[in-house]
PDB file of N, CA and C in Angstrom:
ATOM      1  N   MET A   1      63.355   7.348 127.633  1.00  0.00           N
ATOM      2  CA  MET A   1      64.083   7.327 126.373  1.00  0.00           C
ATOM      3  C   MET A   1      65.345   8.182 126.446  1.00  0.00           C
ATOM      4  N   GLU A   2      65.201   9.416 126.986  1.00  0.00           N
ATOM      5  CA  GLU A   2      66.350  10.310 127.070  1.00  0.00           C
ATOM      6  C   GLU A   2      67.412   9.745 128.017  1.00  0.00           C
ATOM      7  N   ARG A   3      66.983   9.124 129.098  1.00  0.00           N
ATOM      8  CA  ARG A   3      67.930   8.548 130.056  1.00  0.00           C
ATOM      9  C   ARG A   3      68.740   7.430 129.409  1.00  0.00           C
ATOM     10  N   GLY A   4      68.105   6.611 128.590  1.00  0.00           N
ATOM     11  CA  GLY A   4      68.810   5.533 127.899  1.00  0.00           C
ATOM     12  C   GLY A   4      69.845   6.059 126.913  1.00  0.00           C
ATOM     13  N   VAL A   5      69.477   7.115 126.197  1.00  0.00           N
ATOM     14  CA  VAL A   5      70.427   7.735 125.264  1.00  0.00           C
ATOM     15  C   VAL A   5      71.592   8.336 126.026  1.00  0.00           C
ATOM     16  N   ASN A   6      71.308   8.957 127.176  1.00  0.00           N
ATOM     17  CA  ASN A   6      72.384   9.529 127.991  1.00  0.00           C
ATOM     18  C   ASN A   6      73.335   8.448 128.503  1.00  0.00           C
ATOM     19  N   ILE A   7      72.800   7.320 128.884  1.00  0.00           N
ATOM     20  CA  ILE A   7      73.649   6.232 129.383  1.00  0.00           C
ATOM     21  C   ILE A   7      74.547   5.702 128.272  1.00  0.00           C
ATOM     22  N   ILE A   8      73.989   5.516 127.086  1.00  0.00           N
ATOM     23  CA  ILE A   8      74.803   5.065 125.945  1.00  0.00           C
ATOM     24  C   ILE A   8      75.868   6.091 125.616  1.00  0.00           C
ATOM     25  N   PHE A   9      75.499   7.377 125.627  1.00  0.00           N
ATOM     26  CA  PHE A   9      76.451   8.452 125.370  1.00  0.00           C
ATOM     27  C   PHE A   9      77.571   8.456 126.412  1.00  0.00           C
ATOM     28  N   LEU A  10      77.221   8.248 127.679  1.00  0.00           N
ATOM     29  CA  LEU A  10      78.229   8.219 128.744  1.00  0.00           C
ATOM     30  C   LEU A  10      79.186   7.045 128.585  1.00  0.00           C
ATOM     31  N   ILE A  11      78.667   5.901 128.200  1.00  0.00           N
ATOM     32  CA  ILE A  11      79.528   4.738 127.991  1.00  0.00           C
ATOM     33  C   ILE A  11      80.513   5.000 126.862  1.00  0.00           C
ATOM     34  N   LEU A  12      80.015   5.526 125.755  1.00  0.00           N
ATOM     35  CA  LEU A  12      80.882   5.783 124.600  1.00  0.00           C
ATOM     36  C   LEU A  12      81.913   6.866 124.883  1.00  0.00           C
ATOM     37  N   THR A  13      81.473   7.994 125.433  1.00  0.00           N
ATOM     38  CA  THR A  13      82.430   9.073 125.702  1.00  0.00           C
ATOM     39  C   THR A  13      83.389   8.700 126.825  1.00  0.00           C
ATOM     40  N   GLY A  14      82.930   7.917 127.775  1.00  0.00           N
ATOM     41  CA  GLY A  14      83.823   7.455 128.839  1.00  0.00           C
ATOM     42  C   GLY A  14      84.921   6.560 128.289  1.00  0.00           C
ATOM     43  N   PHE A  15      84.560   5.671 127.374  1.00  0.00           N
ATOM     44  CA  PHE A  15      85.563   4.808 126.757  1.00  0.00           C
ATOM     45  C   PHE A  15      86.553   5.616 125.925  1.00  0.00           C
ATOM     46  N   ILE A  16      86.039   6.563 125.144  1.00  0.00           N
ATOM     47  CA  ILE A  16      86.918   7.402 124.313  1.00  0.00           C
ATOM     48  C   ILE A  16      87.850   8.220 125.192  1.00  0.00           C
ATOM     49  N   ALA A  17      87.324   8.802 126.267  1.00  0.00           N
ATOM     50  CA  ALA A  17      88.151   9.602 127.164  1.00  0.00           C
ATOM     51  C   ALA A  17      89.224   8.744 127.829  1.00  0.00           C
ATOM     52  N   TYR A  18      88.839   7.585 128.319  1.00  0.00           N
ATOM     53  CA  TYR A  18      89.809   6.714 128.978  1.00  0.00           C
ATOM     54  C   TYR A  18      90.904   6.270 128.008  1.00  0.00           C
ATOM     55  N   HIS A  19      90.506   5.850 126.831  1.00  0.00           N
ATOM     56  CA  HIS A  19      91.483   5.393 125.843  1.00  0.00           C
ATOM     57  C   HIS A  19      92.399   6.535 125.408  1.00  0.00           C
ATOM     58  N   GLY A  20      91.817   7.692 125.161  1.00  0.00           N
ATOM     59  CA  GLY A  20      92.607   8.823 124.694  1.00  0.00           C
ATOM     60  C   GLY A  20      93.586   9.330 125.724  1.00  0.00           C
ATOM     61  N   LEU A  21      93.218   9.289 126.994  1.00  0.00           N
ATOM     62  CA  LEU A  21      94.090   9.826 128.036  1.00  0.00           C
ATOM     63  C   LEU A  21      95.113   8.825 128.554  1.00  0.00           C
ATOM     64  N   THR A  22      94.898   7.539 128.332  1.00  0.00           N
ATOM     65  CA  THR A  22      95.826   6.535 128.858  1.00  0.00           C
ATOM     66  C   THR A  22      96.652   5.843 127.786  1.00  0.00           C
ATOM     67  N   TYR A  23      96.396   6.121 126.516  1.00  0.00           N
ATOM     68  CA  TYR A  23      97.078   5.425 125.422  1.00  0.00           C
ATOM     69  C   TYR A  23      98.553   5.832 125.335  1.00  0.00           C
ATOM     70  N   ARG A  24      99.402   4.856 125.131  1.00  0.00           N
ATOM     71  CA  ARG A  24     100.825   5.078 124.855  1.00  0.00           C
ATOM     72  C   ARG A  24     101.227   4.142 123.722  1.00  0.00           C
ATOM     73  N   ASP A  25     102.109   4.615 122.850  1.00  0.00           N
ATOM     74  CA  ASP A  25     102.553   3.763 121.755  1.00  0.00           C
ATOM     75  C   ASP A  25     103.627   2.800 122.250  1.00  0.00           C
ATOM     76  N   LYS A  26     104.218   2.038 121.344  1.00  0.00           N
ATOM     77  CA  LYS A  26     105.182   1.013 121.752  1.00  0.00           C
ATOM     78  C   LYS A  26     106.449   1.596 122.369  1.00  0.00           C
ATOM     79  N   ASP A  27     106.727   2.880 122.098  1.00  0.00           N
ATOM     80  CA  ASP A  27     107.888   3.545 122.701  1.00  0.00           C
ATOM     81  C   ASP A  27     107.558   4.225 124.023  1.00  0.00           C
ATOM     82  N   GLY A  28     106.313   4.185 124.437  1.00  0.00           N
ATOM     83  CA  GLY A  28     105.897   4.809 125.683  1.00  0.00           C
ATOM     84  C   GLY A  28     105.539   6.274 125.544  1.00  0.00           C
ATOM     85  N   GLU A  29     105.424   6.747 124.323  1.00  0.00           N
ATOM     86  CA  GLU A  29     105.091   8.151 124.075  1.00  0.00           C
ATOM     87  C   GLU A  29     103.577   8.330 123.983  1.00  0.00           C
ATOM     88  N   ARG A  30     103.129   9.509 124.394  1.00  0.00           N
ATOM     89  CA  ARG A  30     101.712   9.855 124.263  1.00  0.00           C
ATOM     90  C   ARG A  30     101.504  10.611 122.963  1.00  0.00           C
ATOM     91  N   ASP A  31     100.362  10.402 122.360  1.00  0.00           N
ATOM     92  CA  ASP A  31     100.016  11.045 121.105  1.00  0.00           C
ATOM     93  C   ASP A  31      99.175  12.289 121.405  1.00  0.00           C
ATOM     94  N   PHE A  32      99.579  13.447 120.872  1.00  0.00           N
ATOM     95  CA  PHE A  32      98.886  14.703 121.152  1.00  0.00           C
ATOM     96  C   PHE A  32      97.427  14.659 120.713  1.00  0.00           C
ATOM     97  N   VAL A  33      97.162  14.095 119.562  1.00  0.00           N
ATOM     98  CA  VAL A  33      95.788  14.073 119.036  1.00  0.00           C
ATOM     99  C   VAL A  33      94.891  13.220 119.926  1.00  0.00           C
ATOM    100  N   ARG A  34      95.383  12.100 120.399  1.00  0.00           N
ATOM    101  CA  ARG A  34      94.573  11.253 121.289  1.00  0.00           C
ATOM    102  C   ARG A  34      94.333  11.946 122.618  1.00  0.00           C
ATOM    103  N   LEU A  35      95.346  12.652 123.125  1.00  0.00           N
ATOM    104  CA  LEU A  35      95.147  13.417 124.356  1.00  0.00           C
ATOM    105  C   LEU A  35      94.107  14.512 124.158  1.00  0.00           C
ATOM    106  N   LEU A  36      94.146  15.176 123.019  1.00  0.00           N
ATOM    107  CA  LEU A  36      93.189  16.239 122.723  1.00  0.00           C
ATOM    108  C   LEU A  36      91.765  15.695 122.668  1.00  0.00           C
ATOM    109  N   PHE A  37      91.553  14.640 121.877  1.00  0.00           N
ATOM    110  CA  PHE A  37      90.209  14.089 121.755  1.00  0.00           C
ATOM    111  C   PHE A  37      89.757  13.413 123.046  1.00  0.00           C
ATOM    112  N   GLY A  38      90.678  12.841 123.799  1.00  0.00           N
ATOM    113  CA  GLY A  38      90.324  12.277 125.100  1.00  0.00           C
ATOM    114  C   GLY A  38      89.864  13.345 126.072  1.00  0.00           C
ATOM    115  N   SER A  39      90.526  14.493 126.045  1.00  0.00           N
ATOM    116  CA  SER A  39      90.140  15.606 126.911  1.00  0.00           C
ATOM    117  C   SER A  39      88.776  16.167 126.521  1.00  0.00           C
ATOM    118  N   ILE A  40      88.539  16.292 125.230  1.00  0.00           N
ATOM    119  CA  ILE A  40      87.239  16.776 124.756  1.00  0.00           C
ATOM    120  C   ILE A  40      86.133  15.800 125.151  1.00  0.00           C
ATOM    121  N   ALA A  41      86.397  14.514 124.992  1.00  0.00           N
ATOM    122  CA  ALA A  41      85.407  13.505 125.374  1.00  0.00           C
ATOM    123  C   ALA A  41      85.141  13.548 126.873  1.00  0.00           C
ATOM    124  N   LEU A  42      86.181  13.785 127.671  1.00  0.00           N
ATOM    125  CA  LEU A  42      86.003  13.879 129.121  1.00  0.00           C
ATOM    126  C   LEU A  42      85.130  15.071 129.486  1.00  0.00           C
ATOM    127  N   LEU A  43      85.306  16.188 128.804  1.00  0.00           N
ATOM    128  CA  LEU A  43      84.468  17.358 129.066  1.00  0.00           C
ATOM    129  C   LEU A  43      83.000  17.070 128.749  1.00  0.00           C
ATOM    130  N   PHE A  44      82.735  16.422 127.624  1.00  0.00           N
ATOM    131  CA  PHE A  44      81.354  16.066 127.282  1.00  0.00           C
ATOM    132  C   PHE A  44      80.795  15.055 128.283  1.00  0.00           C
ATOM    133  N   PHE A  45      81.599  14.091 128.703  1.00  0.00           N
ATOM    134  CA  PHE A  45      81.181  13.100 129.691  1.00  0.00           C
ATOM    135  C   PHE A  45      80.758  13.782 130.989  1.00  0.00           C
ATOM    136  N   LEU A  46      81.608  14.686 131.477  1.00  0.00           N
ATOM    137  CA  LEU A  46      81.307  15.368 132.737  1.00  0.00           C
ATOM    138  C   LEU A  46      80.080  16.272 132.610  1.00  0.00           C
ATOM    139  N   ARG A  47      79.940  16.925 131.457  1.00  0.00           N
ATOM    140  CA  ARG A  47      78.779  17.787 131.263  1.00  0.00           C
ATOM    141  C   ARG A  47      77.487  16.981 131.316  1.00  0.00           C
ATOM    142  N   VAL A  48      77.444  15.861 130.634  1.00  0.00           N
ATOM    143  CA  VAL A  48      76.219  15.053 130.597  1.00  0.00           C
ATOM    144  C   VAL A  48      75.936  14.439 131.950  1.00  0.00           C
ATOM    145  N   ILE A  49      76.966  13.962 132.633  1.00  0.00           N
ATOM    146  CA  ILE A  49      76.701  13.307 133.916  1.00  0.00           C
ATOM    147  C   ILE A  49      76.266  14.311 134.983  1.00  0.00           C
ATOM    148  N   PHE A  50      76.870  15.492 135.012  1.00  0.00           N
ATOM    149  CA  PHE A  50      76.509  16.454 136.048  1.00  0.00           C
ATOM    150  C   PHE A  50      75.251  17.251 135.724  1.00  0.00           C
ATOM    151  N   GLU A  51      75.031  17.561 134.457  1.00  0.00           N
ATOM    152  CA  GLU A  51      73.869  18.383 134.123  1.00  0.00           C
ATOM    153  C   GLU A  51      72.635  17.553 133.809  1.00  0.00           C
ATOM    154  N   ASP A  52      72.761  16.562 132.964  1.00  0.00           N
ATOM    155  CA  ASP A  52      71.588  15.822 132.509  1.00  0.00           C
ATOM    156  C   ASP A  52      71.211  14.670 133.428  1.00  0.00           C
ATOM    157  N   MET A  53      72.201  13.963 133.949  1.00  0.00           N
ATOM    158  CA  MET A  53      71.890  12.774 134.751  1.00  0.00           C
ATOM    159  C   MET A  53      71.677  13.127 136.231  1.00  0.00           C
ATOM    160  N   LEU A  54      72.619  13.841 136.838  1.00  0.00           N
ATOM    161  CA  LEU A  54      72.537  14.134 138.266  1.00  0.00           C
ATOM    162  C   LEU A  54      71.846  15.461 138.572  1.00  0.00           C
ATOM    163  N   ARG A  55      71.723  16.323 137.586  1.00  0.00           N
ATOM    164  CA  ARG A  55      71.105  17.639 137.717  1.00  0.00           C
ATOM    165  C   ARG A  55      71.744  18.461 138.840  1.00  0.00           C
ATOM    166  N   ILE A  56      73.071  18.397 138.931  1.00  0.00           N
ATOM    167  CA  ILE A  56      73.814  19.140 139.961  1.00  0.00           C
ATOM    168  C   ILE A  56      74.169  20.530 139.472  1.00  0.00           C
ATOM    169  N   ALA A  57      74.628  20.633 138.243  1.00  0.00           N
ATOM    170  CA  ALA A  57      75.106  21.904 137.713  1.00  0.00           C
ATOM    171  C   ALA A  57      74.325  22.262 136.446  1.00  0.00           C
ATOM    172  N   VAL A  58      74.312  23.557 136.163  1.00  0.00           N
ATOM    173  CA  VAL A  58      73.683  24.042 134.932  1.00  0.00           C
ATOM    174  C   VAL A  58      74.735  24.828 134.176  1.00  0.00           C
ATOM    175  N   PHE A  59      75.030  24.399 132.958  1.00  0.00           N
ATOM    176  CA  PHE A  59      76.048  25.076 132.143  1.00  0.00           C
ATOM    177  C   PHE A  59      75.385  25.889 131.069  1.00  0.00           C
TER     178      PHE A  59
END
């Protein structure tokens, strides 16, 4: 059960991180808020994958 929740969480945070870090508006500018939330999502993604899924690191 926990593994399934972790996989769903990884999919969602991975999508949010990717979208937030790669998004550009029609003028080619990056939005600070999307970069901020994308970075936060990436940190949560890495924490779950390394600590809960792979059990490599302990934070």
